[in-house]
Amino acid sequence: MRRATHVMLSITAVAVVLACQPASDQVQEAEPTAGSNDPAALAVLPIAEADRAGATILGYEDGGLVMLREGDGAFICMADNPSDERFQVLCYHKSLAPYMERGRELRAEGITGKANIEKRWEEIDAGEFAMPPHPAVLHQLFGSDPAAVTLENADSLGRLTVIYMAYATVEDTGLLGQPSGGEPWLMYPGKPTAHVMISGN
């Protein structure tokens, strides 16, 4: 029962990753605050400590997307959205930026959910933008109570790792094609955004 619950949390987390990115890609500048619940400090927790100092950090101010810090590292991190009931921070490899940015643009146009994903598949196949030609990772931490999350207790959050492998198939990888007992599995096999789902720390 515990494993089944964990798998369902992982699927829900990916749905949040795909559907709850900011609605606009217009990024402004903002200064991060200090403290154990500093949005910028919490935003980089999904990635290894060695990668945190160089990460670019995006966050929210007055309902809009802002640049909390511009970095020169491999990752772009998203701070928790205070308008969401759940806590979620994520960091994705910079090679995934065109895919993520296009998703935000479409959401700003009112195209959400699976329609948003399918629209991007069409555009990728049409050559309008590309997924990286190599595996690219996204790390996420999530929880149910944003007000309770601090740097000190972040280890208790749920974790999800997603590895994008464009057009990968079950046959090519040997991965499962659906969730089963918490094992890594391949979501959207054969699609431009095929990705491995790995739950847990």
Protein backbone atom coordinates (compact mmCIF):
# COMPACT_ATOMS: atom_id res chain seq x y z
CA MET A 1 0.00 0.00 0.00
CA ARG A 2 2.89 2.30 0.84
CA ARG A 3 4.54 1.69 -2.52
CA ALA A 4 1.29 2.26 -4.43
CA THR A 5 0.80 5.55 -2.62
CA HIS A 6 4.37 6.55 -3.48
CA VAL A 7 3.83 5.80 -7.17
CA MET A 8 0.64 7.84 -7.25
CA LEU A 9 2.45 10.76 -5.62
CA SER A 10 5.12 10.53 -8.32
CA ILE A 11 2.57 10.61 -11.13
CA THR A 12 0.84 13.56 -9.50
CA ALA A 13 4.16 15.33 -9.15
CA VAL A 14 4.94 15.01 -12.85
CA ALA A 15 1.49 16.33 -13.70
CA VAL A 16 2.35 19.33 -11.57
CA VAL A 17 5.69 19.74 -13.35
CA LEU A 18 4.01 19.70 -16.75
CA ALA A 19 0.95 21.75 -15.91
CA CYS A 20 1.94 24.26 -13.23
CA GLN A 21 4.81 26.14 -14.77
CA PRO A 22 4.33 29.93 -14.72
CA ALA A 23 1.76 31.29 -17.16
CA SER A 24 4.08 33.86 -18.69
CA ASP A 25 7.68 33.69 -19.89
CA GLN A 26 8.31 37.41 -19.30
CA VAL A 27 10.98 37.43 -16.61
CA GLN A 28 11.77 40.52 -14.53
CA GLU A 29 14.55 41.13 -12.01
CA ALA A 30 14.09 40.75 -8.27
CA GLU A 31 16.29 40.43 -5.19
CA PRO A 32 16.06 37.22 -3.12
CA THR A 33 15.25 37.49 0.57
CA ALA A 34 17.17 35.89 3.42
CA GLY A 35 16.10 33.29 5.95
CA SER A 36 15.42 29.58 6.41
CA ASN A 37 12.40 29.80 4.08
CA ASP A 38 14.08 32.06 1.50
CA PRO A 39 12.48 31.16 -1.87
CA ALA A 40 15.81 31.30 -3.72
CA ALA A 41 17.58 29.10 -1.19
CA LEU A 42 14.75 26.55 -1.23
CA ALA A 43 14.59 26.58 -5.05
CA VAL A 44 18.06 25.07 -5.50
CA LEU A 45 17.60 22.22 -3.00
CA PRO A 46 16.62 19.62 -5.66
CA ILE A 47 20.12 19.67 -7.20
CA ALA A 48 23.53 18.68 -5.85
CA GLU A 49 25.22 21.18 -3.58
CA ALA A 50 28.04 21.67 -6.08
CA ASP A 51 25.55 22.87 -8.72
CA ARG A 52 23.58 25.29 -6.54
CA ALA A 53 25.83 28.37 -6.62
CA GLY A 54 25.74 28.60 -10.42
CA ALA A 55 22.04 27.89 -10.94
CA THR A 56 19.71 30.48 -12.45
CA ILE A 57 16.70 30.96 -10.18
CA LEU A 58 13.23 32.05 -11.28
CA GLY A 59 10.54 32.96 -8.78
CA TYR A 60 7.30 34.88 -8.34
CA GLU A 61 6.39 38.42 -7.40
CA ASP A 62 2.91 39.93 -7.59
CA GLY A 63 1.75 36.89 -9.56
CA GLY A 64 4.44 37.26 -12.23
CA LEU A 65 7.66 35.44 -13.04
CA VAL A 66 10.84 37.21 -11.90
CA MET A 67 14.57 36.52 -12.02
CA LEU A 68 15.75 35.93 -8.47
CA ARG A 69 19.28 35.23 -9.63
CA GLU A 70 21.01 34.82 -12.99
CA GLY A 71 23.63 32.11 -12.98
CA ASP A 72 26.13 30.55 -15.37
CA GLY A 73 25.66 26.94 -14.30
CA ALA A 74 23.91 23.97 -15.85
CA PHE A 75 20.53 24.35 -14.12
CA ILE A 76 17.51 26.63 -14.11
CA CYS A 77 15.54 26.39 -10.86
CA MET A 78 11.93 27.38 -10.19
CA ALA A 79 11.00 28.65 -6.73
CA ASP A 80 7.74 27.61 -5.11
CA ASN A 81 4.68 29.40 -6.47
CA PRO A 82 2.93 31.01 -3.46
CA SER A 83 -0.42 30.86 -5.25
CA ASP A 84 -0.33 27.02 -5.23
CA GLU A 85 -1.68 25.04 -2.30
CA ARG A 86 1.16 22.52 -2.46
CA PHE A 87 4.89 23.15 -2.16
CA GLN A 88 6.97 22.49 -5.28
CA VAL A 89 10.46 23.48 -6.35
CA LEU A 90 12.23 22.09 -9.38
CA CYS A 91 15.46 22.45 -11.31
CA TYR A 92 15.92 21.48 -14.96
CA HIS A 93 18.99 21.30 -17.17
CA LYS A 94 19.36 24.44 -19.28
CA SER A 95 19.09 22.41 -22.50
CA LEU A 96 15.39 21.91 -21.61
CA ALA A 97 14.75 25.68 -21.49
CA PRO A 98 13.10 25.94 -24.96
CA TYR A 99 10.61 23.21 -24.03
CA MET A 100 9.81 24.75 -20.65
CA GLU A 101 9.56 28.30 -22.00
CA ARG A 102 7.24 27.24 -24.81
CA GLY A 103 4.98 25.55 -22.28
CA ARG A 104 4.68 28.80 -20.36
CA GLU A 105 3.89 30.73 -23.53
CA LEU A 106 1.11 28.32 -24.44
CA ARG A 107 -0.36 28.45 -20.96
CA ALA A 108 -0.45 32.24 -21.21
CA GLU A 109 -2.57 31.70 -24.35
CA GLY A 110 -4.95 29.45 -22.41
CA ILE A 111 -3.61 26.13 -23.75
CA THR A 112 -3.15 23.90 -20.71
CA GLY A 113 -2.92 20.27 -19.62
CA LYS A 114 -2.45 17.52 -22.20
CA ALA A 115 -3.32 19.94 -25.03
CA ASN A 116 -0.27 22.00 -24.05
CA ILE A 117 1.99 18.95 -24.23
CA GLU A 118 0.55 17.73 -27.53
CA LYS A 119 0.91 21.18 -29.07
CA ARG A 120 4.59 21.16 -28.18
CA TRP A 121 4.97 17.68 -29.67
CA GLU A 122 3.57 19.01 -32.94
CA GLU A 123 5.93 21.98 -32.90
CA ILE A 124 8.97 19.84 -32.11
CA ASP A 125 8.14 17.41 -34.92
CA ALA A 126 7.68 20.42 -37.24
CA GLY A 127 11.14 21.70 -36.34
CA GLU A 128 9.93 24.86 -34.61
CA PHE A 129 12.13 24.06 -31.61
CA ALA A 130 14.04 21.01 -30.44
CA MET A 131 14.48 18.79 -27.45
CA PRO A 132 18.10 18.18 -26.46
CA PRO A 133 19.81 15.40 -28.46
CA HIS A 134 21.17 13.95 -25.21
CA PRO A 135 19.49 12.88 -21.94
CA ALA A 136 18.59 15.90 -19.79
CA VAL A 137 17.45 15.84 -16.18
CA LEU A 138 14.82 17.60 -14.09
CA HIS A 139 14.80 17.29 -10.29
CA GLN A 140 11.78 18.14 -8.14
CA LEU A 141 10.95 18.37 -4.43
CA PHE A 142 7.33 18.57 -3.32
CA GLY A 143 5.17 18.61 -0.22
CA SER A 144 1.67 19.33 0.99
CA ASP A 145 2.22 22.35 3.27
CA PRO A 146 4.26 25.27 1.85
CA ALA A 147 4.15 27.16 5.14
CA ALA A 148 5.91 24.31 6.95
CA VAL A 149 8.87 23.94 4.57
CA THR A 150 12.25 25.34 5.64
CA LEU A 151 15.87 24.63 4.79
CA GLU A 152 16.12 22.63 7.99
CA ASN A 153 13.31 20.15 7.22
CA ALA A 154 13.53 19.95 3.42
CA ASP A 155 14.93 16.41 3.63
CA SER A 156 11.42 15.21 4.50
CA LEU A 157 9.97 16.34 1.15
CA GLY A 158 9.01 14.00 -1.67
CA ARG A 159 11.52 13.74 -4.52
CA LEU A 160 11.12 13.05 -8.20
CA THR A 161 13.80 12.79 -10.89
CA VAL A 162 12.83 12.98 -14.55
CA ILE A 163 15.31 12.18 -17.33
CA TYR A 164 14.17 13.40 -20.76
CA MET A 165 15.26 11.16 -23.63
CA ALA A 166 13.60 12.32 -26.83
CA TYR A 167 11.73 9.56 -28.71
CA ALA A 168 13.03 6.81 -26.40
CA THR A 169 10.98 3.61 -26.43
CA VAL A 170 10.43 0.72 -24.06
CA GLU A 171 12.06 -1.58 -26.59
CA ASP A 172 15.18 0.59 -26.88
CA THR A 173 15.67 1.15 -23.16
CA GLY A 174 14.26 -1.95 -21.47
CA LEU A 175 12.35 0.29 -19.08
CA LEU A 176 8.81 -0.38 -17.96
CA GLY A 177 6.14 1.45 -19.93
CA GLN A 178 3.96 2.14 -16.90
CA PRO A 179 4.45 2.62 -13.14
CA SER A 180 4.94 -0.55 -11.11
CA GLY A 181 5.98 -0.74 -7.47
CA GLY A 182 8.13 2.37 -7.51
CA GLU A 183 10.45 1.11 -10.27
CA PRO A 184 11.80 3.60 -12.86
CA TRP A 185 9.53 3.72 -15.90
CA LEU A 186 9.25 5.47 -19.25
CA MET A 187 6.48 8.03 -19.69
CA TYR A 188 5.34 9.06 -23.19
CA PRO A 189 7.49 6.41 -24.95
CA GLY A 190 8.21 7.23 -28.57
CA LYS A 191 7.22 10.87 -28.14
CA PRO A 192 9.49 13.93 -28.36
CA THR A 193 9.30 14.29 -24.58
CA ALA A 194 9.72 10.66 -23.59
CA HIS A 195 11.19 10.64 -20.09
CA VAL A 196 12.25 8.27 -17.32
CA MET A 197 10.39 8.67 -14.04
CA ILE A 198 12.36 7.95 -10.86
CA SER A 199 10.73 8.55 -7.50
CA GLY A 200 12.35 8.67 -4.07
CA ASN A 201 15.59 10.05 -2.64
